[in-house]
Amino acid sequence: MLDEIYRQAGLTDDDINRMSSYAEGKDEFYGSEAYGKLFDYFEGSGEMPYGVAKCRDEAPDDWILEYLGLS
């Protein structure tokens, strides 16, 4: 499932390899290319709630990592 989401979002192999370091807090996820691609994917598909996309209810970067089961 994760690989399918990553590919549909347009993540490169390097983006995918770095996802564990984002989840572990070793690298900053917010502002990364992977974050931008995943944000666009989830917002565009309607899976990300509007309040999250607008940072009203939750931070989008946290939501993405939680949704993917990485946090």
PDB file of N, CA and C in Angstrom:
ATOM      1  N   MET A   1       0.814  -1.186   0.000  1.00  0.00           N
ATOM      2  CA  MET A   1       0.000   0.000   0.000  1.00  0.00           C
ATOM      3  C   MET A   1       0.865   1.259   0.000  1.00  0.00           C
ATOM      4  N   LEU A   2       1.882   1.307   0.873  1.00  0.00           N
ATOM      5  CA  LEU A   2       2.738   2.493   0.920  1.00  0.00           C
ATOM      6  C   LEU A   2       3.425   2.737  -0.408  1.00  0.00           C
ATOM      7  N   ASP A   3       3.975   1.681  -1.000  1.00  0.00           N
ATOM      8  CA  ASP A   3       4.671   1.859  -2.277  1.00  0.00           C
ATOM      9  C   ASP A   3       3.742   2.427  -3.334  1.00  0.00           C
ATOM     10  N   GLU A   4       2.494   1.975  -3.338  1.00  0.00           N
ATOM     11  CA  GLU A   4       1.525   2.475  -4.316  1.00  0.00           C
ATOM     12  C   GLU A   4       1.250   3.963  -4.099  1.00  0.00           C
ATOM     13  N   ILE A   5       1.060   4.361  -2.847  1.00  0.00           N
ATOM     14  CA  ILE A   5       0.833   5.777  -2.541  1.00  0.00           C
ATOM     15  C   ILE A   5       2.056   6.599  -2.928  1.00  0.00           C
ATOM     16  N   TYR A   6       3.234   6.122  -2.573  1.00  0.00           N
ATOM     17  CA  TYR A   6       4.460   6.848  -2.897  1.00  0.00           C
ATOM     18  C   TYR A   6       4.594   7.057  -4.405  1.00  0.00           C
ATOM     19  N   ARG A   7       4.332   6.037  -5.172  1.00  0.00           N
ATOM     20  CA  ARG A   7       4.467   6.138  -6.633  1.00  0.00           C
ATOM     21  C   ARG A   7       3.402   7.057  -7.221  1.00  0.00           C
ATOM     22  N   GLN A   8       2.166   6.929  -6.726  1.00  0.00           N
ATOM     23  CA  GLN A   8       1.089   7.783  -7.238  1.00  0.00           C
ATOM     24  C   GLN A   8       1.345   9.246  -6.891  1.00  0.00           C
ATOM     25  N   ALA A   9       1.991   9.488  -5.760  1.00  0.00           N
ATOM     26  CA  ALA A   9       2.317  10.852  -5.355  1.00  0.00           C
ATOM     27  C   ALA A   9       3.539  11.391  -6.093  1.00  0.00           C
ATOM     28  N   GLY A  10       4.272  10.514  -6.784  1.00  0.00           N
ATOM     29  CA  GLY A  10       5.434  10.951  -7.553  1.00  0.00           C
ATOM     30  C   GLY A  10       6.732  10.995  -6.778  1.00  0.00           C
ATOM     31  N   LEU A  11       6.802  10.284  -5.657  1.00  0.00           N
ATOM     32  CA  LEU A  11       8.047  10.263  -4.896  1.00  0.00           C
ATOM     33  C   LEU A  11       9.134   9.521  -5.670  1.00  0.00           C
ATOM     34  N   THR A  12      10.331  10.039  -5.588  1.00  0.00           N
ATOM     35  CA  THR A  12      11.484   9.385  -6.196  1.00  0.00           C
ATOM     36  C   THR A  12      11.990   8.313  -5.236  1.00  0.00           C
ATOM     37  N   ASP A  13      12.906   7.496  -5.699  1.00  0.00           N
ATOM     38  CA  ASP A  13      13.511   6.483  -4.825  1.00  0.00           C
ATOM     39  C   ASP A  13      14.194   7.146  -3.633  1.00  0.00           C
ATOM     40  N   ASP A  14      14.848   8.279  -3.857  1.00  0.00           N
ATOM     41  CA  ASP A  14      15.504   8.998  -2.768  1.00  0.00           C
ATOM     42  C   ASP A  14      14.471   9.491  -1.751  1.00  0.00           C
ATOM     43  N   ASP A  15      13.351  10.045  -2.242  1.00  0.00           N
ATOM     44  CA  ASP A  15      12.275  10.484  -1.340  1.00  0.00           C
ATOM     45  C   ASP A  15      11.803   9.314  -0.483  1.00  0.00           C
ATOM     46  N   ILE A  16      11.566   8.185  -1.098  1.00  0.00           N
ATOM     47  CA  ILE A  16      11.063   6.999  -0.399  1.00  0.00           C
ATOM     48  C   ILE A  16      12.074   6.524   0.641  1.00  0.00           C
ATOM     49  N   ASN A  17      13.335   6.502   0.285  1.00  0.00           N
ATOM     50  CA  ASN A  17      14.380   6.053   1.207  1.00  0.00           C
ATOM     51  C   ASN A  17      14.494   6.962   2.428  1.00  0.00           C
ATOM     52  N   ARG A  18      14.123   8.219   2.280  1.00  0.00           N
ATOM     53  CA  ARG A  18      14.236   9.169   3.387  1.00  0.00           C
ATOM     54  C   ARG A  18      13.015   9.188   4.302  1.00  0.00           C
ATOM     55  N   MET A  19      11.940   8.513   3.924  1.00  0.00           N
ATOM     56  CA  MET A  19      10.713   8.556   4.719  1.00  0.00           C
ATOM     57  C   MET A  19      10.934   8.066   6.154  1.00  0.00           C
ATOM     58  N   SER A  20      11.743   7.042   6.353  1.00  0.00           N
ATOM     59  CA  SER A  20      11.976   6.562   7.723  1.00  0.00           C
ATOM     60  C   SER A  20      12.725   7.605   8.550  1.00  0.00           C
ATOM     61  N   SER A  21      13.645   8.347   7.940  1.00  0.00           N
ATOM     62  CA  SER A  21      14.356   9.384   8.695  1.00  0.00           C
ATOM     63  C   SER A  21      13.427  10.542   9.040  1.00  0.00           C
ATOM     64  N   TYR A  22      12.440  10.813   8.195  1.00  0.00           N
ATOM     65  CA  TYR A  22      11.434  11.832   8.528  1.00  0.00           C
ATOM     66  C   TYR A  22      10.590  11.357   9.706  1.00  0.00           C
ATOM     67  N   ALA A  23      10.155  10.104   9.658  1.00  0.00           N
ATOM     68  CA  ALA A  23       9.313   9.548  10.707  1.00  0.00           C
ATOM     69  C   ALA A  23      10.035   9.502  12.053  1.00  0.00           C
ATOM     70  N   GLU A  24      11.320   9.248  12.019  1.00  0.00           N
ATOM     71  CA  GLU A  24      12.124   9.169  13.247  1.00  0.00           C
ATOM     72  C   GLU A  24      12.579  10.538  13.738  1.00  0.00           C
ATOM     73  N   GLY A  25      12.302  11.584  12.963  1.00  0.00           N
ATOM     74  CA  GLY A  25      12.688  12.930  13.354  1.00  0.00           C
ATOM     75  C   GLY A  25      14.139  13.267  13.088  1.00  0.00           C
ATOM     76  N   LYS A  26      14.826  12.425  12.320  1.00  0.00           N
ATOM     77  CA  LYS A  26      16.234  12.683  11.997  1.00  0.00           C
ATOM     78  C   LYS A  26      16.365  13.759  10.922  1.00  0.00           C
ATOM     79  N   ASP A  27      15.400  13.837  10.031  1.00  0.00           N
ATOM     80  CA  ASP A  27      15.351  14.865   8.999  1.00  0.00           C
ATOM     81  C   ASP A  27      14.013  15.577   9.096  1.00  0.00           C
ATOM     82  N   GLU A  28      13.980  16.819   8.651  1.00  0.00           N
ATOM     83  CA  GLU A  28      12.759  17.623   8.692  1.00  0.00           C
ATOM     84  C   GLU A  28      11.857  17.254   7.508  1.00  0.00           C
ATOM     85  N   PHE A  29      10.674  16.736   7.817  1.00  0.00           N
ATOM     86  CA  PHE A  29       9.722  16.335   6.787  1.00  0.00           C
ATOM     87  C   PHE A  29       9.045  17.554   6.170  1.00  0.00           C
ATOM     88  N   TYR A  30       8.581  18.476   7.021  1.00  0.00           N
ATOM     89  CA  TYR A  30       7.895  19.665   6.529  1.00  0.00           C
ATOM     90  C   TYR A  30       8.850  20.473   5.636  1.00  0.00           C
ATOM     91  N   GLY A  31       8.412  20.774   4.447  1.00  0.00           N
ATOM     92  CA  GLY A  31       9.232  21.531   3.511  1.00  0.00           C
ATOM     93  C   GLY A  31      10.070  20.668   2.584  1.00  0.00           C
ATOM     94  N   SER A  32      10.101  19.355   2.829  1.00  0.00           N
ATOM     95  CA  SER A  32      10.860  18.473   1.940  1.00  0.00           C
ATOM     96  C   SER A  32      10.082  18.238   0.647  1.00  0.00           C
ATOM     97  N   GLU A  33      10.775  17.744  -0.363  1.00  0.00           N
ATOM     98  CA  GLU A  33      10.099  17.422  -1.619  1.00  0.00           C
ATOM     99  C   GLU A  33       9.057  16.333  -1.407  1.00  0.00           C
ATOM    100  N   ALA A  34       9.375  15.357  -0.572  1.00  0.00           N
ATOM    101  CA  ALA A  34       8.429  14.274  -0.287  1.00  0.00           C
ATOM    102  C   ALA A  34       7.163  14.837   0.353  1.00  0.00           C
ATOM    103  N   TYR A  35       7.318  15.766   1.293  1.00  0.00           N
ATOM    104  CA  TYR A  35       6.161  16.388   1.930  1.00  0.00           C
ATOM    105  C   TYR A  35       5.292  17.093   0.889  1.00  0.00           C
ATOM    106  N   GLY A  36       5.912  17.887   0.038  1.00  0.00           N
ATOM    107  CA  GLY A  36       5.159  18.616  -0.979  1.00  0.00           C
ATOM    108  C   GLY A  36       4.380  17.696  -1.896  1.00  0.00           C
ATOM    109  N   LYS A  37       5.007  16.635  -2.315  1.00  0.00           N
ATOM    110  CA  LYS A  37       4.342  15.686  -3.213  1.00  0.00           C
ATOM    111  C   LYS A  37       3.202  14.957  -2.511  1.00  0.00           C
ATOM    112  N   LEU A  38       3.446  14.528  -1.277  1.00  0.00           N
ATOM    113  CA  LEU A  38       2.410  13.814  -0.534  1.00  0.00           C
ATOM    114  C   LEU A  38       1.262  14.749  -0.145  1.00  0.00           C
ATOM    115  N   PHE A  39       1.578  15.983   0.210  1.00  0.00           N
ATOM    116  CA  PHE A  39       0.529  16.958   0.521  1.00  0.00           C
ATOM    117  C   PHE A  39      -0.366  17.155  -0.700  1.00  0.00           C
ATOM    118  N   ASP A  40       0.241  17.398  -1.844  1.00  0.00           N
ATOM    119  CA  ASP A  40      -0.534  17.590  -3.074  1.00  0.00           C
ATOM    120  C   ASP A  40      -1.386  16.372  -3.392  1.00  0.00           C
ATOM    121  N   TYR A  41      -0.820  15.196  -3.205  1.00  0.00           N
ATOM    122  CA  TYR A  41      -1.534  13.950  -3.483  1.00  0.00           C
ATOM    123  C   TYR A  41      -2.760  13.806  -2.571  1.00  0.00           C
ATOM    124  N   PHE A  42      -2.551  13.941  -1.265  1.00  0.00           N
ATOM    125  CA  PHE A  42      -3.645  13.733  -0.321  1.00  0.00           C
ATOM    126  C   PHE A  42      -4.687  14.849  -0.381  1.00  0.00           C
ATOM    127  N   GLU A  43      -4.244  16.070  -0.585  1.00  0.00           N
ATOM    128  CA  GLU A  43      -5.205  17.160  -0.695  1.00  0.00           C
ATOM    129  C   GLU A  43      -6.009  17.023  -1.986  1.00  0.00           C
ATOM    130  N   GLY A  44      -5.331  16.718  -3.070  1.00  0.00           N
ATOM    131  CA  GLY A  44      -6.000  16.579  -4.364  1.00  0.00           C
ATOM    132  C   GLY A  44      -6.955  15.408  -4.445  1.00  0.00           C
ATOM    133  N   SER A  45      -6.666  14.352  -3.693  1.00  0.00           N
ATOM    134  CA  SER A  45      -7.539  13.174  -3.712  1.00  0.00           C
ATOM    135  C   SER A  45      -8.729  13.333  -2.777  1.00  0.00           C
ATOM    136  N   GLY A  46      -8.683  14.346  -1.922  1.00  0.00           N
ATOM    137  CA  GLY A  46      -9.753  14.563  -0.959  1.00  0.00           C
ATOM    138  C   GLY A  46      -9.614  13.737   0.307  1.00  0.00           C
ATOM    139  N   GLU A  47      -8.549  12.966   0.409  1.00  0.00           N
ATOM    140  CA  GLU A  47      -8.339  12.143   1.609  1.00  0.00           C
ATOM    141  C   GLU A  47      -7.962  12.987   2.825  1.00  0.00           C
ATOM    142  N   MET A  48      -7.239  14.083   2.587  1.00  0.00           N
ATOM    143  CA  MET A  48      -6.843  14.949   3.691  1.00  0.00           C
ATOM    144  C   MET A  48      -8.009  15.888   4.000  1.00  0.00           C
ATOM    145  N   PRO A  49      -8.460  15.905   5.247  1.00  0.00           N
ATOM    146  CA  PRO A  49      -9.546  16.818   5.607  1.00  0.00           C
ATOM    147  C   PRO A  49      -9.164  18.277   5.358  1.00  0.00           C
ATOM    148  N   TYR A  50     -10.156  19.065   4.992  1.00  0.00           N
ATOM    149  CA  TYR A  50      -9.937  20.477   4.680  1.00  0.00           C
ATOM    150  C   TYR A  50      -9.268  21.218   5.845  1.00  0.00           C
ATOM    151  N   GLY A  51      -9.744  20.956   7.058  1.00  0.00           N
ATOM    152  CA  GLY A  51      -9.184  21.627   8.228  1.00  0.00           C
ATOM    153  C   GLY A  51      -7.725  21.296   8.461  1.00  0.00           C
ATOM    154  N   VAL A  52      -7.314  20.116   8.077  1.00  0.00           N
ATOM    155  CA  VAL A  52      -5.904  19.728   8.188  1.00  0.00           C
ATOM    156  C   VAL A  52      -5.103  20.427   7.091  1.00  0.00           C
ATOM    157  N   ALA A  53      -5.619  20.415   5.879  1.00  0.00           N
ATOM    158  CA  ALA A  53      -4.912  21.051   4.757  1.00  0.00           C
ATOM    159  C   ALA A  53      -4.671  22.531   5.022  1.00  0.00           C
ATOM    160  N   LYS A  54      -5.590  23.168   5.738  1.00  0.00           N
ATOM    161  CA  LYS A  54      -5.475  24.595   6.057  1.00  0.00           C
ATOM    162  C   LYS A  54      -4.841  24.847   7.417  1.00  0.00           C
ATOM    163  N   CYS A  55      -4.315  23.805   8.047  1.00  0.00           N
ATOM    164  CA  CYS A  55      -3.644  23.883   9.357  1.00  0.00           C
ATOM    165  C   CYS A  55      -4.571  24.390  10.456  1.00  0.00           C
ATOM    166  N   ARG A  56      -5.845  24.136  10.335  1.00  0.00           N
ATOM    167  CA  ARG A  56      -6.797  24.574  11.360  1.00  0.00           C
ATOM    168  C   ARG A  56      -6.996  23.523  12.441  1.00  0.00           C
ATOM    169  N   ASP A  57      -7.025  22.270  12.045  1.00  0.00           N
ATOM    170  CA  ASP A  57      -7.324  21.192  12.984  1.00  0.00           C
ATOM    171  C   ASP A  57      -6.101  20.384  13.400  1.00  0.00           C
ATOM    172  N   GLU A  58      -5.131  20.325  12.531  1.00  0.00           N
ATOM    173  CA  GLU A  58      -3.929  19.513  12.760  1.00  0.00           C
ATOM    174  C   GLU A  58      -2.879  19.933  11.736  1.00  0.00           C
ATOM    175  N   ALA A  59      -1.626  19.701  12.054  1.00  0.00           N
ATOM    176  CA  ALA A  59      -0.549  20.012  11.113  1.00  0.00           C
ATOM    177  C   ALA A  59      -0.534  18.968   9.997  1.00  0.00           C
ATOM    178  N   PRO A  60      -0.515  19.413   8.741  1.00  0.00           N
ATOM    179  CA  PRO A  60      -0.548  18.468   7.629  1.00  0.00           C
ATOM    180  C   PRO A  60       0.611  17.466   7.632  1.00  0.00           C
ATOM    181  N   ASP A  61       1.797  17.906   8.036  1.00  0.00           N
ATOM    182  CA  ASP A  61       2.930  16.979   8.040  1.00  0.00           C
ATOM    183  C   ASP A  61       2.712  15.861   9.054  1.00  0.00           C
ATOM    184  N   ASP A  62       2.173  16.196  10.219  1.00  0.00           N
ATOM    185  CA  ASP A  62       1.868  15.160  11.218  1.00  0.00           C
ATOM    186  C   ASP A  62       0.776  14.224  10.700  1.00  0.00           C
ATOM    187  N   TRP A  63      -0.241  14.804  10.075  1.00  0.00           N
ATOM    188  CA  TRP A  63      -1.347  14.007   9.544  1.00  0.00           C
ATOM    189  C   TRP A  63      -0.841  13.005   8.512  1.00  0.00           C
ATOM    190  N   ILE A  64       0.023  13.458   7.615  1.00  0.00           N
ATOM    191  CA  ILE A  64       0.548  12.577   6.565  1.00  0.00           C
ATOM    192  C   ILE A  64       1.314  11.407   7.183  1.00  0.00           C
ATOM    193  N   LEU A  65       2.216  11.704   8.104  1.00  0.00           N
ATOM    194  CA  LEU A  65       3.005  10.630   8.720  1.00  0.00           C
ATOM    195  C   LEU A  65       2.118   9.670   9.494  1.00  0.00           C
ATOM    196  N   GLU A  66       1.105  10.193  10.186  1.00  0.00           N
ATOM    197  CA  GLU A  66       0.165   9.324  10.911  1.00  0.00           C
ATOM    198  C   GLU A  66      -0.649   8.481   9.935  1.00  0.00           C
ATOM    199  N   TYR A  67      -1.133   9.101   8.871  1.00  0.00           N
ATOM    200  CA  TYR A  67      -1.947   8.396   7.888  1.00  0.00           C
ATOM    201  C   TYR A  67      -1.164   7.227   7.273  1.00  0.00           C
ATOM    202  N   LEU A  68       0.104   7.458   7.031  1.00  0.00           N
ATOM    203  CA  LEU A  68       0.950   6.431   6.447  1.00  0.00           C
ATOM    204  C   LEU A  68       1.417   5.399   7.476  1.00  0.00           C
ATOM    205  N   GLY A  69       1.094   5.635   8.730  1.00  0.00           N
ATOM    206  CA  GLY A  69       1.495   4.704   9.789  1.00  0.00           C
ATOM    207  C   GLY A  69       2.955   4.813  10.166  1.00  0.00           C
ATOM    208  N   LEU A  70       3.528   5.979   9.957  1.00  0.00           N
ATOM    209  CA  LEU A  70       4.961   6.162  10.218  1.00  0.00           C
ATOM    210  C   LEU A  70       5.245   6.884  11.522  1.00  0.00           C
ATOM    211  N   SER A  71       4.203   7.293  12.221  1.00  0.00           N
ATOM    212  CA  SER A  71       4.454   7.985  13.506  1.00  0.00           C
ATOM    213  C   SER A  71       3.628   7.378  14.601  1.00  0.00           C
TER     214      SER A  71
END
